[in-house]
Amino acid sequence: MDTEAQPTERDRSSGPGPGVTEGRSRFAFLTRVTDWLPGGRLTLTLFTCLAFLLVLNALVVQPFQIPSGSMEQGLRIGDRVLVNKLAYRFGAQPRRGDVVVFDGSGYFGDADYIKRVVGVGGDRVVCCDKKGRIEVNGRPVDETSFLYPGDAPSTVPFYVEVPEGTLFVLGDHRSDSSDSRDHLGSPGGGMIPVGDVIGRADWIIWPHAHWTHLTRPAAYARVPASAAAPQRPRVAGAAHG
């Protein structure tokens, strides 16, 4: 005969299950908070969404409004782009052709700027070859797919060697852009420290009709690594960075 005590219905249900007290405590706390806030649950929801957006803006993505025509015709005045702040946070580095937003304090001016990366650390960037094209590490770059119609790659000759950890940047609207060319004689030689890059512009999000994904142009795909670049003589009349 089985003499082991069998649980009755009361035995199985008399006590609260694990976690019930903790769950009720959390629920009671939220109830007290919503009772205290003007607007109750609606106000709490709005505060939660605001906190989430602030964290997102600080760590992940940030909207940036285009302030000038220096990146036309791809980016127009008043366009809003979404900047990926994680693009270079885990070992990745800016690449030639990326459109980046950076803090220009001490280099360009006390503001944030948006430009295209033309040269990275170790590169030699020259303007221009016999056909008027910019050369990077001895390879001419065809910029017609993004350069502002009617603009020359540069009306100012230059020969620069980009120091490691820095970037040489240009606007797509070369005749309306203050960029690395204009600061070759300034502190830093017109180069932007990689550490001052806020992020990569990945999307145009406003206006809605202009919504598009910003991709890296294929023009830079054939540029050789800096170590493989041939040595070139200094261009006559050019400034050296």
Protein backbone atom coordinates (compact mmCIF):
# COMPACT_ATOMS: atom_id res chain seq x y z
CA MET A 1 0.00 0.00 0.00
CA ASP A 2 1.37 3.40 -1.00
CA THR A 3 1.47 5.44 2.18
CA GLU A 4 3.23 8.53 0.69
CA ALA A 5 1.17 11.64 1.32
CA GLN A 6 -0.56 12.85 -1.83
CA PRO A 7 -0.86 16.61 -2.38
CA THR A 8 -4.40 17.89 -2.25
CA GLU A 9 -5.77 20.61 -4.51
CA ARG A 10 -5.26 23.06 -1.66
CA ASP A 11 -1.64 21.98 -1.21
CA ARG A 12 -0.87 22.71 -4.87
CA SER A 13 -2.43 26.14 -4.96
CA SER A 14 -2.11 27.54 -1.47
CA GLY A 15 1.22 29.41 -1.99
CA PRO A 16 2.31 31.84 -4.69
CA GLY A 17 4.54 30.45 -7.39
CA PRO A 18 8.15 31.54 -7.78
CA GLY A 19 8.53 35.08 -9.01
CA VAL A 20 4.94 36.12 -8.29
CA THR A 21 5.90 38.49 -5.45
CA GLU A 22 8.65 40.05 -7.56
CA GLY A 23 6.29 40.46 -10.52
CA ARG A 24 3.65 42.08 -8.36
CA SER A 25 6.26 44.44 -6.88
CA ARG A 26 7.34 45.63 -10.32
CA PHE A 27 3.75 46.07 -11.38
CA ALA A 28 2.96 48.00 -8.22
CA PHE A 29 5.99 50.27 -8.77
CA LEU A 30 4.91 51.08 -12.34
CA THR A 31 1.39 51.76 -11.09
CA ARG A 32 2.73 54.21 -8.50
CA VAL A 33 4.86 55.95 -11.14
CA THR A 34 1.97 56.33 -13.58
CA ASP A 35 -0.28 57.58 -10.77
CA TRP A 36 2.35 60.20 -9.85
CA LEU A 37 3.01 61.45 -13.40
CA PRO A 38 0.61 63.96 -14.96
CA GLY A 39 -0.90 62.13 -17.90
CA GLY A 40 -0.21 58.70 -16.40
CA ARG A 41 0.73 55.94 -18.83
CA LEU A 42 0.85 58.26 -21.84
CA THR A 43 3.48 60.49 -20.21
CA LEU A 44 5.53 57.48 -19.10
CA THR A 45 5.44 56.08 -22.63
CA LEU A 46 6.58 59.40 -24.09
CA PHE A 47 9.45 59.66 -21.58
CA THR A 48 10.53 56.11 -22.37
CA CYS A 49 10.52 56.79 -26.11
CA LEU A 50 12.48 60.02 -25.59
CA ALA A 51 15.12 58.24 -23.50
CA PHE A 52 15.42 55.55 -26.17
CA LEU A 53 15.89 58.18 -28.91
CA LEU A 54 18.54 60.02 -26.87
CA VAL A 55 20.53 56.82 -26.37
CA LEU A 56 20.12 55.95 -30.06
CA ASN A 57 21.29 59.42 -31.09
CA ALA A 58 24.30 59.32 -28.75
CA LEU A 59 25.55 55.83 -29.58
CA VAL A 60 24.11 54.45 -32.81
CA VAL A 61 22.75 56.87 -35.42
CA GLN A 62 22.41 60.63 -35.65
CA PRO A 63 20.55 62.81 -38.16
CA PHE A 64 22.60 65.57 -39.79
CA GLN A 65 21.25 68.44 -41.89
CA ILE A 66 23.21 69.46 -44.99
CA PRO A 67 24.13 73.13 -44.40
CA SER A 68 25.69 74.05 -47.76
CA GLY A 69 26.00 73.06 -51.39
CA SER A 70 29.50 71.59 -51.05
CA MET A 71 28.25 68.02 -51.58
CA GLU A 72 25.85 68.69 -54.46
CA GLN A 73 24.48 67.26 -56.51
CA GLY A 74 24.13 64.13 -54.40
CA LEU A 75 23.42 65.99 -51.14
CA ARG A 76 21.43 69.21 -51.40
CA ILE A 77 21.03 72.06 -48.95
CA GLY A 78 18.43 71.10 -46.35
CA ASP A 79 18.68 67.35 -46.96
CA ARG A 80 18.87 65.28 -43.79
CA VAL A 81 21.18 62.29 -43.72
CA LEU A 82 21.37 59.49 -41.19
CA VAL A 83 24.90 59.09 -39.85
CA ASN A 84 26.00 55.62 -38.78
CA LYS A 85 28.06 56.21 -35.61
CA LEU A 86 28.98 52.53 -35.30
CA ALA A 87 30.54 52.27 -38.76
CA TYR A 88 34.07 52.78 -37.43
CA ARG A 89 33.70 51.75 -33.79
CA PHE A 90 34.80 48.09 -33.94
CA GLY A 91 38.08 48.18 -35.82
CA ALA A 92 36.75 49.28 -39.22
CA GLN A 93 38.36 52.36 -40.78
CA PRO A 94 37.00 54.98 -43.19
CA ARG A 95 37.54 53.95 -46.80
CA ARG A 96 38.09 55.96 -49.96
CA GLY A 97 34.73 57.07 -51.30
CA ASP A 98 32.91 57.09 -47.94
CA VAL A 99 30.90 60.20 -47.13
CA VAL A 100 31.74 61.09 -43.53
CA VAL A 101 30.67 63.63 -40.95
CA PHE A 102 33.47 64.94 -38.75
CA ASP A 103 34.21 67.55 -36.11
CA GLY A 104 36.32 70.22 -37.81
CA SER A 105 37.35 72.04 -34.63
CA GLY A 106 40.97 73.13 -34.88
CA TYR A 107 41.21 72.08 -38.54
CA PHE A 108 38.33 73.41 -40.65
CA GLY A 109 36.39 75.45 -38.08
CA ASP A 110 34.29 74.95 -34.96
CA ALA A 111 31.49 72.96 -36.59
CA ASP A 112 30.62 69.56 -38.01
CA TYR A 113 31.34 69.00 -41.70
CA ILE A 114 30.36 66.43 -44.31
CA LYS A 115 32.81 65.48 -47.08
CA ARG A 116 33.94 62.54 -49.19
CA VAL A 117 37.08 60.60 -48.26
CA VAL A 118 39.54 60.72 -51.15
CA GLY A 119 42.72 59.60 -49.39
CA VAL A 120 43.42 57.52 -46.26
CA GLY A 121 46.58 57.13 -44.19
CA GLY A 122 49.62 56.35 -46.35
CA ASP A 123 48.01 57.46 -49.64
CA ARG A 124 49.52 59.88 -52.13
CA VAL A 125 46.89 62.12 -53.68
CA VAL A 126 47.83 64.23 -56.70
CA CYS A 127 46.03 66.76 -58.86
CA CYS A 128 46.01 66.28 -61.63
CA ASP A 129 47.02 63.95 -64.46
CA LYS A 130 47.11 64.97 -68.16
CA LYS A 131 43.37 64.32 -68.45
CA GLY A 132 42.59 66.48 -65.43
CA ARG A 133 41.81 63.55 -63.11
CA ILE A 134 42.87 63.20 -59.48
CA GLU A 135 45.32 60.36 -58.91
CA VAL A 136 45.46 58.26 -55.75
CA ASN A 137 48.57 56.11 -55.36
CA GLY A 138 49.33 56.56 -59.05
CA ARG A 139 45.88 55.48 -60.22
CA PRO A 140 43.56 58.05 -61.87
CA VAL A 141 40.07 58.15 -60.37
CA ASP A 142 37.02 58.72 -62.59
CA GLU A 143 34.77 60.89 -60.40
CA THR A 144 32.15 61.73 -63.02
CA SER A 145 29.44 59.63 -61.33
CA PHE A 146 29.33 61.92 -58.28
CA LEU A 147 31.19 65.11 -59.18
CA TYR A 148 28.99 68.18 -59.64
CA PRO A 149 28.22 68.63 -63.36
CA GLY A 150 30.63 71.05 -65.00
CA ASP A 151 33.13 70.99 -62.12
CA ALA A 152 36.76 70.03 -62.61
CA PRO A 153 38.19 67.59 -60.06
CA SER A 154 40.24 70.55 -58.84
CA THR A 155 41.39 73.87 -60.22
CA VAL A 156 44.17 73.94 -57.62
CA PRO A 157 47.14 71.60 -58.19
CA PHE A 158 48.38 69.67 -55.16
CA TYR A 159 50.50 66.74 -54.10
CA VAL A 160 49.83 65.37 -50.64
CA GLU A 161 50.96 62.39 -48.63
CA VAL A 162 48.29 61.51 -46.12
CA PRO A 163 49.73 60.73 -42.66
CA GLU A 164 48.61 57.55 -40.93
CA GLY A 165 45.49 58.03 -38.82
CA THR A 166 44.21 60.92 -40.95
CA LEU A 167 42.01 61.50 -44.00
CA PHE A 168 42.16 63.74 -47.06
CA VAL A 169 38.59 64.88 -47.83
CA LEU A 170 36.92 66.80 -50.66
CA GLY A 171 33.42 68.02 -51.39
CA ASP A 172 31.64 66.71 -54.50
CA HIS A 173 30.86 70.28 -55.59
CA ARG A 174 34.52 71.20 -55.91
CA SER A 175 33.95 74.81 -56.98
CA ASP A 176 31.76 75.42 -53.90
CA SER A 177 33.60 73.41 -51.27
CA SER A 178 36.07 74.41 -48.59
CA ASP A 179 37.91 71.16 -47.94
CA SER A 180 41.38 69.68 -47.47
CA ARG A 181 42.74 71.62 -50.45
CA ASP A 182 42.02 74.93 -48.72
CA HIS A 183 43.79 74.01 -45.50
CA LEU A 184 47.05 72.52 -46.71
CA GLY A 185 48.95 75.31 -44.97
CA SER A 186 46.87 75.19 -41.78
CA PRO A 187 47.61 73.14 -38.62
CA GLY A 188 47.21 69.51 -39.57
CA GLY A 189 47.87 70.22 -43.25
CA GLY A 190 44.20 69.94 -44.18
CA MET A 191 44.01 66.34 -42.93
CA ILE A 192 41.22 65.14 -40.65
CA PRO A 193 42.13 62.82 -37.75
CA VAL A 194 40.18 59.59 -37.97
CA GLY A 195 39.33 60.03 -34.28
CA ASP A 196 37.34 63.18 -35.12
CA VAL A 197 35.04 61.33 -37.52
CA ILE A 198 31.53 61.18 -36.06
CA GLY A 199 30.29 58.56 -38.48
CA ARG A 200 29.48 57.57 -42.04
CA ALA A 201 26.48 59.06 -43.85
CA ASP A 202 24.48 56.03 -44.99
CA TRP A 203 21.00 57.32 -45.87
CA ILE A 204 19.25 60.45 -47.08
CA ILE A 205 16.07 60.38 -44.99
CA TRP A 206 14.50 63.76 -45.84
CA PRO A 207 12.85 65.01 -47.94
CA HIS A 208 10.94 61.83 -48.60
CA ALA A 209 11.24 62.18 -52.38
CA HIS A 210 15.02 62.20 -52.04
CA TRP A 211 15.18 59.13 -49.77
CA THR A 212 18.11 56.96 -50.87
CA HIS A 213 20.93 54.76 -49.63
CA LEU A 214 24.40 56.29 -49.98
CA THR A 215 26.85 53.75 -51.35
CA ARG A 216 30.60 53.85 -51.91
CA PRO A 217 31.40 54.70 -55.57
CA ALA A 218 33.15 52.04 -57.63
CA ALA A 219 35.63 54.69 -58.82
CA TYR A 220 38.01 53.90 -55.94
CA ALA A 221 37.88 50.12 -56.25
CA ARG A 222 40.98 49.92 -58.46
CA VAL A 223 43.12 52.25 -56.35
CA PRO A 224 46.11 50.24 -55.10
CA ALA A 225 47.13 50.10 -51.47
CA SER A 226 49.55 52.82 -50.45
CA ALA A 227 52.47 50.40 -50.13
CA ALA A 228 52.10 49.49 -53.80
CA ALA A 229 51.85 53.07 -55.02
CA PRO A 230 54.66 54.27 -57.28
CA GLN A 231 56.73 57.24 -56.20
CA ARG A 232 55.86 60.42 -58.07
CA PRO A 233 57.79 63.68 -58.40
CA ARG A 234 56.38 66.74 -56.73
CA VAL A 235 53.88 68.52 -59.00
CA ALA A 236 55.05 71.95 -60.09
CA GLY A 237 53.24 74.69 -58.21
CA ALA A 238 51.53 72.23 -55.88
CA ALA A 239 51.23 72.54 -52.14
CA HIS A 240 52.51 69.67 -50.03
CA GLY A 241 50.50 68.43 -47.07
